[in-house]
Amino acid sequence: MDPKLVREGQDPQLLKAIEVEMELLKKQPPPNYLKPAYPNYHPQLPAIQ
């Protein structure tokens, strides 16, 4: 690690790791999951006659 970059608040190792991971995500994106329907907790009761 370059001490000058570390003093400036940069982390070359972390930046490279992020770059590698972003390339992997482009090649194999995560699956999209469908959101389930929201449950109806207040069902309509039958009308009283």
PDB file of N, CA and C in Angstrom:
ATOM      1  N   MET A   1       0.851  -1.172   0.000  1.00  0.00           N
ATOM      2  CA  MET A   1       0.000   0.000   0.000  1.00  0.00           C
ATOM      3  C   MET A   1       0.898   1.236   0.000  1.00  0.00           C
ATOM      4  N   ASP A   2       0.515   2.204  -0.766  1.00  0.00           N
ATOM      5  CA  ASP A   2       1.262   3.449  -0.876  1.00  0.00           C
ATOM      6  C   ASP A   2       0.911   4.355   0.316  1.00  0.00           C
ATOM      7  N   PRO A   3       1.881   4.681   1.171  1.00  0.00           N
ATOM      8  CA  PRO A   3       1.592   5.503   2.350  1.00  0.00           C
ATOM      9  C   PRO A   3       0.989   6.865   2.007  1.00  0.00           C
ATOM     10  N   LYS A   4       1.403   7.435   0.875  1.00  0.00           N
ATOM     11  CA  LYS A   4       0.868   8.743   0.480  1.00  0.00           C
ATOM     12  C   LYS A   4      -0.640   8.645   0.214  1.00  0.00           C
ATOM     13  N   LEU A   5      -1.050   7.609  -0.504  1.00  0.00           N
ATOM     14  CA  LEU A   5      -2.480   7.437  -0.799  1.00  0.00           C
ATOM     15  C   LEU A   5      -3.274   7.168   0.470  1.00  0.00           C
ATOM     16  N   VAL A   6      -2.698   6.404   1.386  1.00  0.00           N
ATOM     17  CA  VAL A   6      -3.385   6.110   2.643  1.00  0.00           C
ATOM     18  C   VAL A   6      -3.580   7.387   3.449  1.00  0.00           C
ATOM     19  N   ARG A   7      -2.564   8.241   3.483  1.00  0.00           N
ATOM     20  CA  ARG A   7      -2.687   9.517   4.201  1.00  0.00           C
ATOM     21  C   ARG A   7      -3.766  10.396   3.582  1.00  0.00           C
ATOM     22  N   GLU A   8      -3.952  10.272   2.274  1.00  0.00           N
ATOM     23  CA  GLU A   8      -4.974  11.072   1.585  1.00  0.00           C
ATOM     24  C   GLU A   8      -6.365  10.462   1.733  1.00  0.00           C
ATOM     25  N   GLY A   9      -6.449   9.320   2.408  1.00  0.00           N
ATOM     26  CA  GLY A   9      -7.750   8.708   2.641  1.00  0.00           C
ATOM     27  C   GLY A   9      -8.171   7.727   1.570  1.00  0.00           C
ATOM     28  N   GLN A  10      -7.261   7.308   0.724  1.00  0.00           N
ATOM     29  CA  GLN A  10      -7.591   6.347  -0.328  1.00  0.00           C
ATOM     30  C   GLN A  10      -7.043   4.983   0.051  1.00  0.00           C
ATOM     31  N   ASP A  11      -7.724   3.947  -0.380  1.00  0.00           N
ATOM     32  CA  ASP A  11      -7.302   2.579  -0.107  1.00  0.00           C
ATOM     33  C   ASP A  11      -7.249   1.843  -1.445  1.00  0.00           C
ATOM     34  N   PRO A  12      -6.050   1.744  -2.052  1.00  0.00           N
ATOM     35  CA  PRO A  12      -5.957   1.111  -3.368  1.00  0.00           C
ATOM     36  C   PRO A  12      -6.417  -0.344  -3.371  1.00  0.00           C
ATOM     37  N   GLN A  13      -6.167  -1.057  -2.279  1.00  0.00           N
ATOM     38  CA  GLN A  13      -6.574  -2.448  -2.198  1.00  0.00           C
ATOM     39  C   GLN A  13      -8.100  -2.564  -2.228  1.00  0.00           C
ATOM     40  N   LEU A  14      -8.772  -1.709  -1.488  1.00  0.00           N
ATOM     41  CA  LEU A  14     -10.230  -1.716  -1.462  1.00  0.00           C
ATOM     42  C   LEU A  14     -10.805  -1.306  -2.818  1.00  0.00           C
ATOM     43  N   LEU A  15     -10.218  -0.307  -3.448  1.00  0.00           N
ATOM     44  CA  LEU A  15     -10.696   0.135  -4.759  1.00  0.00           C
ATOM     45  C   LEU A  15     -10.577  -0.977  -5.795  1.00  0.00           C
ATOM     46  N   LYS A  16      -9.482  -1.724  -5.772  1.00  0.00           N
ATOM     47  CA  LYS A  16      -9.296  -2.832  -6.713  1.00  0.00           C
ATOM     48  C   LYS A  16     -10.308  -3.937  -6.436  1.00  0.00           C
ATOM     49  N   ALA A  17     -10.560  -4.224  -5.155  1.00  0.00           N
ATOM     50  CA  ALA A  17     -11.533  -5.256  -4.804  1.00  0.00           C
ATOM     51  C   ALA A  17     -12.927  -4.872  -5.297  1.00  0.00           C
ATOM     52  N   ILE A  18     -13.282  -3.610  -5.158  1.00  0.00           N
ATOM     53  CA  ILE A  18     -14.589  -3.146  -5.638  1.00  0.00           C
ATOM     54  C   ILE A  18     -14.662  -3.247  -7.155  1.00  0.00           C
ATOM     55  N   GLU A  19     -13.587  -2.892  -7.833  1.00  0.00           N
ATOM     56  CA  GLU A  19     -13.544  -2.971  -9.298  1.00  0.00           C
ATOM     57  C   GLU A  19     -13.730  -4.416  -9.767  1.00  0.00           C
ATOM     58  N   VAL A  20     -13.036  -5.354  -9.119  1.00  0.00           N
ATOM     59  CA  VAL A  20     -13.148  -6.769  -9.480  1.00  0.00           C
ATOM     60  C   VAL A  20     -14.571  -7.264  -9.232  1.00  0.00           C
ATOM     61  N   GLU A  21     -15.145  -6.915  -8.114  1.00  0.00           N
ATOM     62  CA  GLU A  21     -16.501  -7.367  -7.781  1.00  0.00           C
ATOM     63  C   GLU A  21     -17.535  -6.801  -8.749  1.00  0.00           C
ATOM     64  N   MET A  22     -17.379  -5.549  -9.132  1.00  0.00           N
ATOM     65  CA  MET A  22     -18.329  -4.948 -10.078  1.00  0.00           C
ATOM     66  C   MET A  22     -18.264  -5.660 -11.428  1.00  0.00           C
ATOM     67  N   GLU A  23     -17.077  -6.065 -11.863  1.00  0.00           N
ATOM     68  CA  GLU A  23     -16.943  -6.818 -13.113  1.00  0.00           C
ATOM     69  C   GLU A  23     -17.636  -8.175 -12.991  1.00  0.00           C
ATOM     70  N   LEU A  24     -17.481  -8.831 -11.852  1.00  0.00           N
ATOM     71  CA  LEU A  24     -18.145 -10.121 -11.648  1.00  0.00           C
ATOM     72  C   LEU A  24     -19.661  -9.964 -11.658  1.00  0.00           C
ATOM     73  N   LEU A  25     -20.162  -8.881 -11.072  1.00  0.00           N
ATOM     74  CA  LEU A  25     -21.615  -8.649 -11.066  1.00  0.00           C
ATOM     75  C   LEU A  25     -22.146  -8.381 -12.464  1.00  0.00           C
ATOM     76  N   LYS A  26     -21.334  -7.740 -13.316  1.00  0.00           N
ATOM     77  CA  LYS A  26     -21.764  -7.512 -14.706  1.00  0.00           C
ATOM     78  C   LYS A  26     -21.876  -8.834 -15.457  1.00  0.00           C
ATOM     79  N   LYS A  27     -20.939  -9.753 -15.181  1.00  0.00           N
ATOM     80  CA  LYS A  27     -20.936 -11.035 -15.881  1.00  0.00           C
ATOM     81  C   LYS A  27     -22.030 -11.962 -15.368  1.00  0.00           C
ATOM     82  N   GLN A  28     -22.305 -11.923 -14.087  1.00  0.00           N
ATOM     83  CA  GLN A  28     -23.299 -12.813 -13.487  1.00  0.00           C
ATOM     84  C   GLN A  28     -24.141 -12.022 -12.488  1.00  0.00           C
ATOM     85  N   PRO A  29     -25.168 -11.313 -12.978  1.00  0.00           N
ATOM     86  CA  PRO A  29     -25.995 -10.495 -12.075  1.00  0.00           C
ATOM     87  C   PRO A  29     -26.799 -11.370 -11.113  1.00  0.00           C
ATOM     88  N   PRO A  30     -27.151 -10.824  -9.965  1.00  0.00           N
ATOM     89  CA  PRO A  30     -27.948 -11.593  -9.005  1.00  0.00           C
ATOM     90  C   PRO A  30     -29.366 -11.813  -9.547  1.00  0.00           C
ATOM     91  N   PRO A  31     -30.032 -12.885  -9.117  1.00  0.00           N
ATOM     92  CA  PRO A  31     -31.385 -13.157  -9.616  1.00  0.00           C
ATOM     93  C   PRO A  31     -32.387 -12.125  -9.094  1.00  0.00           C
ATOM     94  N   ASN A  32     -33.417 -11.893  -9.891  1.00  0.00           N
ATOM     95  CA  ASN A  32     -34.505 -11.005  -9.473  1.00  0.00           C
ATOM     96  C   ASN A  32     -35.609 -11.865  -8.870  1.00  0.00           C
ATOM     97  N   TYR A  33     -35.957 -11.581  -7.646  1.00  0.00           N
ATOM     98  CA  TYR A  33     -37.015 -12.325  -6.976  1.00  0.00           C
ATOM     99  C   TYR A  33     -38.309 -11.532  -7.052  1.00  0.00           C
ATOM    100  N   LEU A  34     -39.411 -12.240  -7.296  1.00  0.00           N
ATOM    101  CA  LEU A  34     -40.713 -11.587  -7.357  1.00  0.00           C
ATOM    102  C   LEU A  34     -41.209 -11.326  -5.947  1.00  0.00           C
ATOM    103  N   LYS A  35     -41.776 -10.164  -5.743  1.00  0.00           N
ATOM    104  CA  LYS A  35     -42.321  -9.798  -4.444  1.00  0.00           C
ATOM    105  C   LYS A  35     -43.697 -10.463  -4.302  1.00  0.00           C
ATOM    106  N   PRO A  36     -43.945 -11.174  -3.206  1.00  0.00           N
ATOM    107  CA  PRO A  36     -45.253 -11.826  -3.052  1.00  0.00           C
ATOM    108  C   PRO A  36     -46.359 -10.793  -2.854  1.00  0.00           C
ATOM    109  N   ALA A  37     -47.573 -11.210  -3.156  1.00  0.00           N
ATOM    110  CA  ALA A  37     -48.715 -10.317  -2.995  1.00  0.00           C
ATOM    111  C   ALA A  37     -48.893  -9.982  -1.516  1.00  0.00           C
ATOM    112  N   TYR A  38     -49.302  -8.765  -1.241  1.00  0.00           N
ATOM    113  CA  TYR A  38     -49.507  -8.331   0.136  1.00  0.00           C
ATOM    114  C   TYR A  38     -50.747  -9.022   0.676  1.00  0.00           C
ATOM    115  N   PRO A  39     -50.676  -9.648   1.845  1.00  0.00           N
ATOM    116  CA  PRO A  39     -51.837 -10.372   2.373  1.00  0.00           C
ATOM    117  C   PRO A  39     -52.953  -9.413   2.793  1.00  0.00           C
ATOM    118  N   ASN A  40     -54.175  -9.838   2.608  1.00  0.00           N
ATOM    119  CA  ASN A  40     -55.337  -9.045   2.985  1.00  0.00           C
ATOM    120  C   ASN A  40     -55.740  -9.454   4.399  1.00  0.00           C
ATOM    121  N   TYR A  41     -55.438  -8.622   5.367  1.00  0.00           N
ATOM    122  CA  TYR A  41     -55.751  -8.900   6.751  1.00  0.00           C
ATOM    123  C   TYR A  41     -57.159  -8.440   7.134  1.00  0.00           C
ATOM    124  N   HIS A  42     -57.847  -7.775   6.239  1.00  0.00           N
ATOM    125  CA  HIS A  42     -59.182  -7.263   6.511  1.00  0.00           C
ATOM    126  C   HIS A  42     -60.148  -7.749   5.424  1.00  0.00           C
ATOM    127  N   PRO A  43     -60.492  -9.040   5.446  1.00  0.00           N
ATOM    128  CA  PRO A  43     -61.397  -9.537   4.411  1.00  0.00           C
ATOM    129  C   PRO A  43     -62.803  -8.941   4.591  1.00  0.00           C
ATOM    130  N   GLN A  44     -63.517  -8.832   3.492  1.00  0.00           N
ATOM    131  CA  GLN A  44     -64.880  -8.310   3.520  1.00  0.00           C
ATOM    132  C   GLN A  44     -65.805  -9.388   4.102  1.00  0.00           C
ATOM    133  N   LEU A  45     -66.565  -9.012   5.111  1.00  0.00           N
ATOM    134  CA  LEU A  45     -67.531  -9.934   5.700  1.00  0.00           C
ATOM    135  C   LEU A  45     -68.807  -9.901   4.878  1.00  0.00           C
ATOM    136  N   PRO A  46     -69.545 -11.029   4.877  1.00  0.00           N
ATOM    137  CA  PRO A  46     -70.801 -11.040   4.133  1.00  0.00           C
ATOM    138  C   PRO A  46     -71.799 -10.054   4.743  1.00  0.00           C
ATOM    139  N   ALA A  47     -72.623  -9.473   3.884  1.00  0.00           N
ATOM    140  CA  ALA A  47     -73.614  -8.489   4.352  1.00  0.00           C
ATOM    141  C   ALA A  47     -74.686  -9.191   5.180  1.00  0.00           C
ATOM    142  N   ILE A  48     -75.136  -8.530   6.238  1.00  0.00           N
ATOM    143  CA  ILE A  48     -76.206  -9.067   7.099  1.00  0.00           C
ATOM    144  C   ILE A  48     -77.551  -8.662   6.503  1.00  0.00           C
ATOM    145  N   GLN A  49     -78.445  -9.635   6.380  1.00  0.00           N
ATOM    146  CA  GLN A  49     -79.748  -9.337   5.775  1.00  0.00           C
ATOM    147  C   GLN A  49     -80.860  -9.458   6.772  1.00  0.00           C
TER     148      GLN A  49
END
